[in-house]
C-alpha atoms as a PDB file:
ATOM      1  CA  MET A   1     164.608  93.267 177.680  1.00  0.00           C
ATOM      2  CA  LYS A   2     165.404  96.569 176.087  1.00  0.00           C
ATOM      3  CA  SER A   3     162.552  97.910 173.928  1.00  0.00           C
ATOM      4  CA  THR A   4     163.223  99.028 170.358  1.00  0.00           C
ATOM      5  CA  PRO A   5     160.465 101.547 169.554  1.00  0.00           C
ATOM      6  CA  VAL A   6     159.566 101.698 165.885  1.00  0.00           C
ATOM      7  CA  SER A   7     159.667 105.313 164.748  1.00  0.00           C
ATOM      8  CA  TRP A   8     156.100 105.567 163.406  1.00  0.00           C
ATOM      9  CA  GLY A   9     154.719 106.205 166.861  1.00  0.00           C
ATOM     10  CA  SER A  10     156.095 103.920 169.558  1.00  0.00           C
ATOM     11  CA  ARG A  11     154.145 101.150 171.177  1.00  0.00           C
ATOM     12  CA  VAL A  12     150.926  98.437 169.434  1.00  0.00           C
ATOM     13  CA  GLY A  13     148.006  94.319 170.644  1.00  0.00           C
ATOM     14  CA  ALA A  14     144.891  95.961 172.009  1.00  0.00           C
ATOM     15  CA  VAL A  15     142.307  98.238 170.473  1.00  0.00           C
ATOM     16  CA  ILE A  16     142.484 101.631 172.182  1.00  0.00           C
ATOM     17  CA  GLY A  17     139.817 103.568 170.341  1.00  0.00           C
ATOM     18  CA  LEU A  18     137.114 103.653 167.691  1.00  0.00           C
ATOM     19  CA  LEU A  19     136.198 106.894 165.954  1.00  0.00           C
ATOM     20  CA  VAL A  20     133.340 107.308 163.490  1.00  0.00           C
ATOM     21  CA  LEU A  21     134.247 109.528 160.576  1.00  0.00           C
ATOM     22  CA  PRO A  22     131.646 111.943 159.145  1.00  0.00           C
ATOM     23  CA  ALA A  23     131.118 109.980 155.964  1.00  0.00           C
ATOM     24  CA  VAL A  24     128.081 107.792 155.489  1.00  0.00           C
ATOM     25  CA  LEU A  25     128.209 105.379 152.591  1.00  0.00           C
ATOM     26  CA  ALA A  26     124.568 105.048 151.741  1.00  0.00           C
ATOM     27  CA  GLY A  27     124.738 105.245 147.981  1.00  0.00           C
ATOM     28  CA  GLN A  28     126.922 104.432 144.975  1.00  0.00           C
ATOM     29  CA  THR A  29     130.354 105.847 145.754  1.00  0.00           C
ATOM     30  CA  GLY A  30     133.620 104.762 144.236  1.00  0.00           C
ATOM     31  CA  GLY A  31     132.467 101.181 143.756  1.00  0.00           C
ATOM     32  CA  LEU A  32     130.702 101.047 147.130  1.00  0.00           C
ATOM     33  CA  SER A  33     126.953 100.687 146.835  1.00  0.00           C
ATOM     34  CA  ALA A  34     124.067 100.519 149.268  1.00  0.00           C
ATOM     35  CA  SER A  35     121.340  97.944 149.227  1.00  0.00           C
ATOM     36  CA  GLU A  36     117.913  98.898 147.993  1.00  0.00           C
ATOM     37  CA  ASP A  37     116.594  98.270 151.507  1.00  0.00           C
ATOM     38  CA  THR A  38     119.020 100.806 153.002  1.00  0.00           C
ATOM     39  CA  SER A  39     118.200 103.435 150.396  1.00  0.00           C
ATOM     40  CA  ALA A  40     114.478 102.928 150.896  1.00  0.00           C
ATOM     41  CA  CYS A  41     114.852 103.174 154.667  1.00  0.00           C
ATOM     42  CA  LEU A  42     116.860 106.418 154.451  1.00  0.00           C
ATOM     43  CA  ALA A  43     114.269 107.923 152.120  1.00  0.00           C
ATOM     44  CA  SER A  44     111.505 107.192 154.626  1.00  0.00           C
ATOM     45  CA  ILE A  45     113.085 108.612 157.808  1.00  0.00           C
ATOM     46  CA  PRO A  46     110.270 110.523 159.570  1.00  0.00           C
ATOM     47  CA  SER A  47     110.556 114.206 160.461  1.00  0.00           C
ATOM     48  CA  SER A  48     110.270 113.227 164.133  1.00  0.00           C
ATOM     49  CA  ALA A  49     113.776 111.720 163.859  1.00  0.00           C
ATOM     50  CA  MET A  50     115.278 115.005 162.649  1.00  0.00           C
ATOM     51  CA  LYS A  51     116.375 118.342 164.069  1.00  0.00           C
ATOM     52  CA  PRO A  52     117.928 121.438 162.445  1.00  0.00           C
ATOM     53  CA  VAL A  53     121.725 121.251 162.322  1.00  0.00           C
ATOM     54  CA  VAL A  54     124.122 123.938 161.107  1.00  0.00           C
ATOM     55  CA  VAL A  55     126.460 122.998 158.266  1.00  0.00           C
ATOM     56  CA  VAL A  56     129.813 124.787 158.358  1.00  0.00           C
ATOM     57  CA  THR A  57     132.768 125.088 156.055  1.00  0.00           C
ATOM     58  CA  VAL A  58     136.347 124.629 157.254  1.00  0.00           C
ATOM     59  CA  VAL A  59     139.591 125.173 155.368  1.00  0.00           C
ATOM     60  CA  ASP A  60     141.973 122.266 154.726  1.00  0.00           C
ATOM     61  CA  VAL A  61     145.258 123.254 153.058  1.00  0.00           C
ATOM     62  CA  VAL A  62     146.285 120.763 150.357  1.00  0.00           C
ATOM     63  CA  THR A  63     149.467 122.371 148.978  1.00  0.00           C
ATOM     64  CA  PRO A  64     151.990 123.512 149.911  1.00  0.00           C
ATOM     65  CA  LYS A  65     152.438 121.193 152.904  1.00  0.00           C
ATOM     66  CA  ASP A  66     155.233 123.112 154.617  1.00  0.00           C
ATOM     67  CA  SER A  67     155.646 125.956 157.065  1.00  0.00           C
ATOM     68  CA  SER A  68     153.879 128.351 154.681  1.00  0.00           C
ATOM     69  CA  ALA A  69     150.612 126.413 155.091  1.00  0.00           C
ATOM     70  CA  GLN A  70     149.756 128.538 158.135  1.00  0.00           C
ATOM     71  CA  MET A  71     150.128 131.688 156.010  1.00  0.00           C
ATOM     72  CA  ILE A  72     147.475 130.374 153.625  1.00  0.00           C
ATOM     73  CA  LEU A  73     144.802 129.986 156.282  1.00  0.00           C
ATOM     74  CA  PRO A  74     143.886 133.702 156.820  1.00  0.00           C
ATOM     75  CA  PRO A  75     143.106 134.542 153.154  1.00  0.00           C
ATOM     76  CA  ALA A  76     141.522 131.122 152.585  1.00  0.00           C
ATOM     77  CA  ARG A  77     139.265 131.612 155.594  1.00  0.00           C
ATOM     78  CA  ALA A  78     138.424 135.111 154.382  1.00  0.00           C
ATOM     79  CA  LEU A  79     137.227 133.548 151.131  1.00  0.00           C
ATOM     80  CA  SER A  80     135.261 130.951 153.091  1.00  0.00           C
ATOM     81  CA  ARG A  81     133.531 133.680 155.137  1.00  0.00           C
ATOM     82  CA  LYS A  82     132.638 135.701 152.054  1.00  0.00           C
ATOM     83  CA  ALA A  83     131.285 132.674 150.166  1.00  0.00           C
ATOM     84  CA  ALA A  84     129.237 131.611 153.197  1.00  0.00           C
ATOM     85  CA  TRP A  85     127.808 135.141 153.521  1.00  0.00           C
ATOM     86  CA  HIS A  86     126.674 135.065 149.893  1.00  0.00           C
ATOM     87  CA  VAL A  87     125.054 131.648 150.408  1.00  0.00           C
ATOM     88  CA  ARG A  88     123.148 132.914 153.441  1.00  0.00           C
ATOM     89  CA  ASN A  89     122.175 135.987 151.453  1.00  0.00           C
ATOM     90  CA  LEU A  90     120.849 133.780 148.663  1.00  0.00           C
ATOM     91  CA  LEU A  91     118.806 131.814 151.205  1.00  0.00           C
ATOM     92  CA  GLY A  92     117.381 134.961 152.770  1.00  0.00           C
ATOM     93  CA  ALA A  93     119.518 135.596 155.863  1.00  0.00           C
ATOM     94  CA  PRO A  94     122.401 137.928 154.861  1.00  0.00           C
ATOM     95  CA  ASP A  95     123.598 139.029 158.296  1.00  0.00           C
ATOM     96  CA  VAL A  96     122.433 136.798 161.137  1.00  0.00           C
ATOM     97  CA  GLY A  97     120.985 133.353 161.581  1.00  0.00           C
ATOM     98  CA  TYR A  98     121.495 130.170 159.667  1.00  0.00           C
ATOM     99  CA  PRO A  99     118.687 129.693 157.148  1.00  0.00           C
ATOM    100  CA  LEU A 100     117.387 126.254 156.246  1.00  0.00           C
ATOM    101  CA  ALA A 101     118.720 125.302 152.829  1.00  0.00           C
ATOM    102  CA  GLU A 102     115.902 122.884 152.104  1.00  0.00           C
ATOM    103  CA  PRO A 103     114.567 121.985 149.611  1.00  0.00           C
ATOM    104  CA  ILE A 104     117.665 123.123 147.682  1.00  0.00           C
ATOM    105  CA  VAL A 105     119.878 121.007 149.950  1.00  0.00           C
ATOM    106  CA  THR A 106     118.844 118.147 152.234  1.00  0.00           C
ATOM    107  CA  TRP A 107     120.973 116.290 154.776  1.00  0.00           C
ATOM    108  CA  ARG A 108     121.936 113.636 152.222  1.00  0.00           C
ATOM    109  CA  GLY A 109     123.519 116.236 149.947  1.00  0.00           C
ATOM    110  CA  ALA A 110     124.878 118.648 152.526  1.00  0.00           C
ATOM    111  CA  GLN A 111     128.487 117.483 152.914  1.00  0.00           C
ATOM    112  CA  GLY A 112     131.464 117.407 150.580  1.00  0.00           C
ATOM    113  CA  ARG A 113     134.543 119.333 149.504  1.00  0.00           C
ATOM    114  CA  LEU A 114     135.104 122.189 147.122  1.00  0.00           C
ATOM    115  CA  ARG A 115     138.745 122.265 145.987  1.00  0.00           C
ATOM    116  CA  VAL A 116     140.001 125.796 145.345  1.00  0.00           C
ATOM    117  CA  THR A 117     143.160 126.731 143.466  1.00  0.00           C
ATOM    118  CA  SER A 118     144.470 130.262 143.939  1.00  0.00           C
ATOM    119  CA  HIS A 119     147.054 131.477 141.413  1.00  0.00           C
ATOM    120  CA  ARG A 120     149.657 134.134 142.058  1.00  0.00           C
ATOM    121  CA  SER A 121     148.181 135.992 139.072  1.00  0.00           C
ATOM    122  CA  GLY A 122     144.975 136.462 141.074  1.00  0.00           C
ATOM    123  CA  LYS A 123     142.896 133.840 139.289  1.00  0.00           C
ATOM    124  CA  LEU A 124     140.731 131.508 141.365  1.00  0.00           C
ATOM    125  CA  ASP A 125     139.513 128.090 140.167  1.00  0.00           C
ATOM    126  CA  TRP A 126     137.317 125.615 142.030  1.00  0.00           C
ATOM    127  CA  ALA A 127     135.518 122.331 141.511  1.00  0.00           C
ATOM    128  CA  SER A 128     133.874 119.615 143.589  1.00  0.00           C
ATOM    129  CA  HIS A 129     136.678 117.401 144.823  1.00  0.00           C
ATOM    130  CA  ASP A 130     135.066 114.246 146.153  1.00  0.00           C
ATOM    131  CA  PRO A 131     131.666 112.658 145.590  1.00  0.00           C
ATOM    132  CA  ASN A 132     128.908 113.050 148.117  1.00  0.00           C
ATOM    133  CA  LEU A 133     128.973 109.936 150.271  1.00  0.00           C
ATOM    134  CA  THR A 134     125.266 109.659 151.020  1.00  0.00           C
ATOM    135  CA  GLY A 135     123.951 108.723 147.606  1.00  0.00           C
ATOM    136  CA  ALA A 136     122.539 112.162 146.813  1.00  0.00           C
ATOM    137  CA  ARG A 137     123.852 114.930 144.598  1.00  0.00           C
ATOM    138  CA  GLY A 138     126.440 117.216 146.197  1.00  0.00           C
ATOM    139  CA  ASP A 139     123.919 120.050 146.405  1.00  0.00           C
ATOM    140  CA  GLY A 140     125.642 121.638 149.385  1.00  0.00           C
ATOM    141  CA  VAL A 141     128.904 121.881 147.459  1.00  0.00           C
ATOM    142  CA  ALA A 142     127.065 123.310 144.443  1.00  0.00           C
ATOM    143  CA  LEU A 143     125.480 125.934 146.681  1.00  0.00           C
ATOM    144  CA  LEU A 144     128.864 126.830 148.164  1.00  0.00           C
ATOM    145  CA  ALA A 145     130.288 127.140 144.637  1.00  0.00           C
ATOM    146  CA  SER A 146     127.539 129.627 143.778  1.00  0.00           C
ATOM    147  CA  GLY A 147     128.578 131.607 146.853  1.00  0.00           C
ATOM    148  CA  LEU A 148     132.151 131.701 145.538  1.00  0.00           C
ATOM    149  CA  ASP A 149     130.888 132.886 142.155  1.00  0.00           C
ATOM    150  CA  ASP A 150     129.006 135.723 143.829  1.00  0.00           C
ATOM    151  CA  ALA A 151     131.987 136.641 146.008  1.00  0.00           C
ATOM    152  CA  VAL A 152     134.304 136.962 143.007  1.00  0.00           C
ATOM    153  CA  ARG A 153     131.736 138.916 141.001  1.00  0.00           C
ATOM    154  CA  ALA A 154     131.363 141.260 143.973  1.00  0.00           C
ATOM    155  CA  GLY A 155     135.103 142.013 143.829  1.00  0.00           C
ATOM    156  CA  PHE A 156     136.674 139.634 146.349  1.00  0.00           C
ATOM    157  CA  THR A 157     140.436 139.323 145.858  1.00  0.00           C
ATOM    158  CA  PHE A 158     142.621 136.642 147.419  1.00  0.00           C
ATOM    159  CA  ASP A 159     145.352 138.241 149.551  1.00  0.00           C
ATOM    160  CA  TRP A 160     148.397 136.305 148.387  1.00  0.00           C
ATOM    161  CA  PRO A 161     150.668 135.363 151.338  1.00  0.00           C
ATOM    162  CA  THR A 162     154.108 136.911 150.881  1.00  0.00           C
ATOM    163  CA  GLY A 163     155.852 133.869 152.338  1.00  0.00           C
ATOM    164  CA  VAL A 164     154.524 131.432 149.717  1.00  0.00           C
ATOM    165  CA  VAL A 165     157.048 130.848 146.927  1.00  0.00           C
ATOM    166  CA  SER A 166     154.949 128.615 144.669  1.00  0.00           C
ATOM    167  CA  ASP A 167     152.794 130.047 141.881  1.00  0.00           C
ATOM    168  CA  SER A 168     149.606 128.370 143.110  1.00  0.00           C
ATOM    169  CA  ILE A 169     147.912 127.367 146.336  1.00  0.00           C
ATOM    170  CA  VAL A 170     145.386 124.549 146.723  1.00  0.00           C
ATOM    171  CA  PHE A 171     142.952 124.218 149.612  1.00  0.00           C
ATOM    172  CA  ASP A 172     139.604 122.589 150.282  1.00  0.00           C
ATOM    173  CA  LEU A 173     136.477 124.228 151.621  1.00  0.00           C
ATOM    174  CA  HIS A 174     135.046 121.257 153.483  1.00  0.00           C
ATOM    175  CA  LEU A 175     131.342 121.221 154.378  1.00  0.00           C
ATOM    176  CA  VAL A 176     130.763 119.350 157.634  1.00  0.00           C
ATOM    177  CA  SER A 177     128.142 119.278 160.374  1.00  0.00           C
ATOM    178  CA  ALA A 178     127.740 118.049 163.913  1.00  0.00           C
ATOM    179  CA  THR A 179     125.704 114.936 164.632  1.00  0.00           C
ATOM    180  CA  HIS A 180     123.122 114.263 167.322  1.00  0.00           C
ATOM    181  CA  ASP A 181     121.888 111.129 169.017  1.00  0.00           C
ATOM    182  CA  ARG A 182     118.384 109.700 169.396  1.00  0.00           C
ATOM    183  CA  GLU A 183     117.735 112.069 172.332  1.00  0.00           C
ATOM    184  CA  GLY A 184     118.807 115.107 170.296  1.00  0.00           C
ATOM    185  CA  VAL A 185     122.108 115.637 172.124  1.00  0.00           C
ATOM    186  CA  GLU A 186     124.710 117.013 169.709  1.00  0.00           C
ATOM    187  CA  SER A 187     128.287 115.833 169.437  1.00  0.00           C
ATOM    188  CA  PRO A 188     130.240 119.060 168.926  1.00  0.00           C
ATOM    189  CA  LEU A 189     132.463 119.486 165.904  1.00  0.00           C
ATOM    190  CA  ARG A 190     136.149 119.629 166.740  1.00  0.00           C
ATOM    191  CA  VAL A 191     137.371 121.766 163.865  1.00  0.00           C
ATOM    192  CA  GLU A 192     139.254 125.046 163.618  1.00  0.00           C
ATOM    193  CA  ALA A 193     137.560 128.277 162.508  1.00  0.00           C
ATOM    194  CA  PRO A 194     134.214 126.827 161.313  1.00  0.00           C
ATOM    195  CA  GLU A 195     132.155 129.202 159.176  1.00  0.00           C
ATOM    196  CA  PRO A 196     128.360 128.603 159.322  1.00  0.00           C
ATOM    197  CA  VAL A 197     126.831 128.343 155.859  1.00  0.00           C
ATOM    198  CA  PHE A 198     123.272 127.000 156.184  1.00  0.00           C
ATOM    199  CA  ALA A 199     121.168 124.583 158.201  1.00  0.00           C
ATOM    200  CA  VAL A 200     119.477 121.324 157.234  1.00  0.00           C
ATOM    201  CA  MET A 201     117.138 118.938 158.990  1.00  0.00           C
ATOM    202  CA  MET A 202     119.432 116.117 160.103  1.00  0.00           C
ATOM    203  CA  PRO A 203     118.336 112.687 161.422  1.00  0.00           C
ATOM    204  CA  TRP A 204     119.863 111.260 164.584  1.00  0.00           C
ATOM    205  CA  GLN A 205     122.930 109.085 164.226  1.00  0.00           C
ATOM    206  CA  GLN A 206     124.376 106.199 166.190  1.00  0.00           C
ATOM    207  CA  PRO A 207     127.995 105.349 165.430  1.00  0.00           C
ATOM    208  CA  ALA A 208     129.327 101.906 164.666  1.00  0.00           C
ATOM    209  CA  MET A 209     130.453 100.217 167.876  1.00  0.00           C
ATOM    210  CA  GLN A 210     132.662  97.202 168.314  1.00  0.00           C
ATOM    211  CA  THR A 211     131.202  94.228 170.162  1.00  0.00           C
ATOM    212  CA  GLY A 212     133.721  92.250 172.181  1.00  0.00           C
ATOM    213  CA  ARG A 213     137.480  92.566 171.844  1.00  0.00           C
ATOM    214  CA  ASN A 214     139.812  91.977 168.948  1.00  0.00           C
ATOM    215  CA  ARG A 215     141.924  88.886 169.498  1.00  0.00           C
ATOM    216  CA  MET A 216     145.296  89.740 168.022  1.00  0.00           C
ATOM    217  CA  ARG A 217     148.606  88.210 168.969  1.00  0.00           C
ATOM    218  CA  TYR A 218     151.996  89.814 168.897  1.00  0.00           C
ATOM    219  CA  PRO A 219     153.673  88.604 165.680  1.00  0.00           C
ATOM    220  CA  SER A 220     155.681  85.451 166.403  1.00  0.00           C
ATOM    221  CA  GLY A 221     158.386  86.585 164.000  1.00  0.00           C
ATOM    222  CA  LEU A 222     159.055  89.645 166.148  1.00  0.00           C
ATOM    223  CA  GLN A 223     159.444  87.767 169.433  1.00  0.00           C
ATOM    224  CA  GLY A 224     162.758  88.680 171.003  1.00  0.00           C
ATOM    225  CA  LYS A 225     163.263  91.792 168.857  1.00  0.00           C
ATOM    226  CA  GLY A 226     161.763  94.216 171.372  1.00  0.00           C
ATOM    227  CA  VAL A 227     159.486  95.849 168.796  1.00  0.00           C
ATOM    228  CA  SER A 228     156.491  97.911 169.903  1.00  0.00           C
ATOM    229  CA  GLY A 229     154.300 100.178 167.831  1.00  0.00           C
ATOM    230  CA  PHE A 230     151.076 102.099 167.264  1.00  0.00           C
ATOM    231  CA  LEU A 231     148.843 101.874 164.173  1.00  0.00           C
ATOM    232  CA  ARG A 232     145.820 103.868 163.059  1.00  0.00           C
ATOM    233  CA  MET A 233     143.469 102.231 160.578  1.00  0.00           C
ATOM    234  CA  THR A 234     140.435 103.330 158.619  1.00  0.00           C
ATOM    235  CA  PHE A 235     137.803 101.072 157.067  1.00  0.00           C
ATOM    236  CA  VAL A 236     134.097 100.712 156.331  1.00  0.00           C
ATOM    237  CA  VAL A 237     131.794  98.818 158.676  1.00  0.00           C
ATOM    238  CA  ASP A 238     128.900  97.379 156.658  1.00  0.00           C
ATOM    239  CA  THR A 239     125.263  96.980 157.662  1.00  0.00           C
ATOM    240  CA  SER A 240     125.904  93.476 159.003  1.00  0.00           C
ATOM    241  CA  GLY A 241     128.579  94.775 161.383  1.00  0.00           C
ATOM    242  CA  ARG A 242     131.642  93.471 159.566  1.00  0.00           C
ATOM    243  CA  ALA A 243     134.699  95.349 158.331  1.00  0.00           C
ATOM    244  CA  GLU A 244     134.841  95.532 154.523  1.00  0.00           C
ATOM    245  CA  MET A 245     138.353  94.269 153.965  1.00  0.00           C
ATOM    246  CA  GLU A 246     138.796  95.942 150.602  1.00  0.00           C
ATOM    247  CA  THR A 247     138.471  99.312 152.355  1.00  0.00           C
ATOM    248  CA  VAL A 248     140.972  98.639 155.158  1.00  0.00           C
ATOM    249  CA  ALA A 249     143.957 101.000 155.055  1.00  0.00           C
ATOM    250  CA  ASP A 250     146.474 102.384 157.503  1.00  0.00           C
ATOM    251  CA  ILE A 251     146.679 106.119 158.167  1.00  0.00           C
ATOM    252  CA  TRP A 252     150.134 107.522 157.571  1.00  0.00           C
ATOM    253  CA  PRO A 253     151.209 111.172 158.024  1.00  0.00           C
ATOM    254  CA  SER A 254     151.303 112.845 154.610  1.00  0.00           C
ATOM    255  CA  ASP A 255     154.461 114.772 155.494  1.00  0.00           C
ATOM    256  CA  ARG A 256     156.514 111.707 156.518  1.00  0.00           C
ATOM    257  CA  PRO A 257     158.069 109.032 154.282  1.00  0.00           C
ATOM    258  CA  ARG A 258     156.986 105.422 154.677  1.00  0.00           C
ATOM    259  CA  LEU A 259     159.292 103.155 156.652  1.00  0.00           C
ATOM    260  CA  VAL A 260     161.726 100.976 154.704  1.00  0.00           C
ATOM    261  CA  GLY A 261     164.233  98.284 155.515  1.00  0.00           C
ATOM    262  CA  GLU A 262     164.075  96.536 158.896  1.00  0.00           C
ATOM    263  CA  LEU A 263     161.681  99.076 160.433  1.00  0.00           C
ATOM    264  CA  GLY A 264     159.415  98.778 157.394  1.00  0.00           C
ATOM    265  CA  ALA A 265     159.349  94.988 157.812  1.00  0.00           C
ATOM    266  CA  TYR A 266     158.394  95.366 161.495  1.00  0.00           C
ATOM    267  CA  TYR A 267     155.591  97.743 160.602  1.00  0.00           C
ATOM    268  CA  ASP A 268     154.285  95.450 157.850  1.00  0.00           C
ATOM    269  CA  ALA A 269     154.239  92.508 160.289  1.00  0.00           C
ATOM    270  CA  LEU A 270     152.071  94.445 162.756  1.00  0.00           C
ATOM    271  CA  LEU A 271     149.887  95.689 159.913  1.00  0.00           C
ATOM    272  CA  SER A 272     149.304  92.118 158.745  1.00  0.00           C
ATOM    273  CA  VAL A 273     148.166  91.093 162.238  1.00  0.00           C
ATOM    274  CA  VAL A 274     145.671  93.963 162.354  1.00  0.00           C
ATOM    275  CA  ARG A 275     144.275  93.167 158.909  1.00  0.00           C
ATOM    276  CA  ASN A 276     143.786  89.510 159.816  1.00  0.00           C
ATOM    277  CA  GLY A 277     142.177  90.456 163.120  1.00  0.00           C
ATOM    278  CA  LEU A 278     139.678  92.751 161.430  1.00  0.00           C
ATOM    279  CA  ARG A 279     138.421  89.822 159.334  1.00  0.00           C
ATOM    280  CA  SER A 280     136.828  88.334 162.445  1.00  0.00           C
ATOM    281  CA  ALA A 281     135.970  91.586 164.260  1.00  0.00           C
ATOM    282  CA  ARG A 282     132.281  92.286 164.869  1.00  0.00           C
ATOM    283  CA  PHE A 283     130.520  95.630 165.227  1.00  0.00           C
ATOM    284  CA  GLN A 284     127.077  97.010 165.786  1.00  0.00           C
ATOM    285  CA  PRO A 285     126.459  98.815 162.480  1.00  0.00           C
ATOM    286  CA  ALA A 286     126.002 102.574 162.418  1.00  0.00           C
ATOM    287  CA  ARG A 287     122.425 103.810 162.233  1.00  0.00           C
ATOM    288  CA  ILE A 288     120.880 106.977 160.857  1.00  0.00           C
ATOM    289  CA  GLY A 289     117.309 107.652 161.876  1.00  0.00           C
ATOM    290  CA  GLY A 290     117.061 103.956 162.731  1.00  0.00           C
ATOM    291  CA  CYS A 291     118.425 102.721 159.379  1.00  0.00           C
ATOM    292  CA  ALA A 292     121.539 100.535 159.400  1.00  0.00           C
ATOM    293  CA  VAL A 293     124.155 102.137 157.141  1.00  0.00           C
ATOM    294  CA  ARG A 294     127.699 101.519 155.982  1.00  0.00           C
ATOM    295  CA  MET A 295     130.082 103.977 157.595  1.00  0.00           C
ATOM    296  CA  TRP A 296     133.774 104.819 157.637  1.00  0.00           C
ATOM    297  CA  VAL A 297     135.426 104.406 161.027  1.00  0.00           C
ATOM    298  CA  GLU A 298     138.913 104.977 162.349  1.00  0.00           C
ATOM    299  CA  GLN A 299     140.461 102.611 164.863  1.00  0.00           C
ATOM    300  CA  ALA A 300     143.739 102.667 166.761  1.00  0.00           C
ATOM    301  CA  PHE A 301     145.784  99.606 167.770  1.00  0.00           C
ATOM    302  CA  GLU A 302     148.671  99.328 170.185  1.00  0.00           C
ATOM    303  CA  PHE A 303     151.171  96.479 170.312  1.00  0.00           C
ATOM    304  CA  LYS A 304     153.493  96.414 173.275  1.00  0.00           C
ATOM    305  CA  LEU A 305     155.803  93.997 174.968  1.00  0.00           C
ATOM    306  CA  GLY A 306     154.475  91.912 177.845  1.00  0.00           C
ATOM    307  CA  ARG A 307     155.694  92.757 181.296  1.00  0.00           C
END
């Protein structure tokens, strides 16, 4: 039978991957709250479960999302480098090394995003974009903002890209860090142009892992239509090892319109199968320093025609 690939990414019944995202939901965040037991456990993680980890900032362009986005990266990264230098200077290491930010910032407040708006007039605005996902204040973002303040006061000017036609540019300075396992082995960050800002004592982490296989059937309504496809989903795995259904969402490219018509109906049918399958899926919950935590994960699903 001739296959009719659906244009979102050709070919989707078996799980082909599980990726843990760097966002731990251990506190009150957007309606998601941790249990008192989890919070108490995280607060009592011993120093023996921790090692120093460098926190870096990376640039994520928000707008414009077109060919001029690449032109924004050099001046945005220049701002990131200057802000990071001022933060290290504040912490006592202006030129080399990555000073510990504690007690100003601990691992639970180290990550987050600072959203920067650069105006053609030369004005720069910034503010914390998303809440810290570990139940602590976004102290790392606040420290990065102070570095931006110092950079501007010291005379930093944003080199406006000549190819950008809009009157403003928006980008995020995203604070992220590598993780390490119980044996202290780090999982390297796969990001472009990371700029080291400071270090924190970080506990070991174990990602959420699926136990067994998802049992999902090819939609009966699509039998005979030759439809195959590929879906990427994101959701929270709770401390009992179950997917929180209210958090389940598909990942769609921001620069592509959603499917409509017949192709949209095919996609929705596959999406419904995945959602129903996740209701019965079981995972080993993620752990930080031995504490079970709620964590965002990303999972890919492939449906394909039988041979």
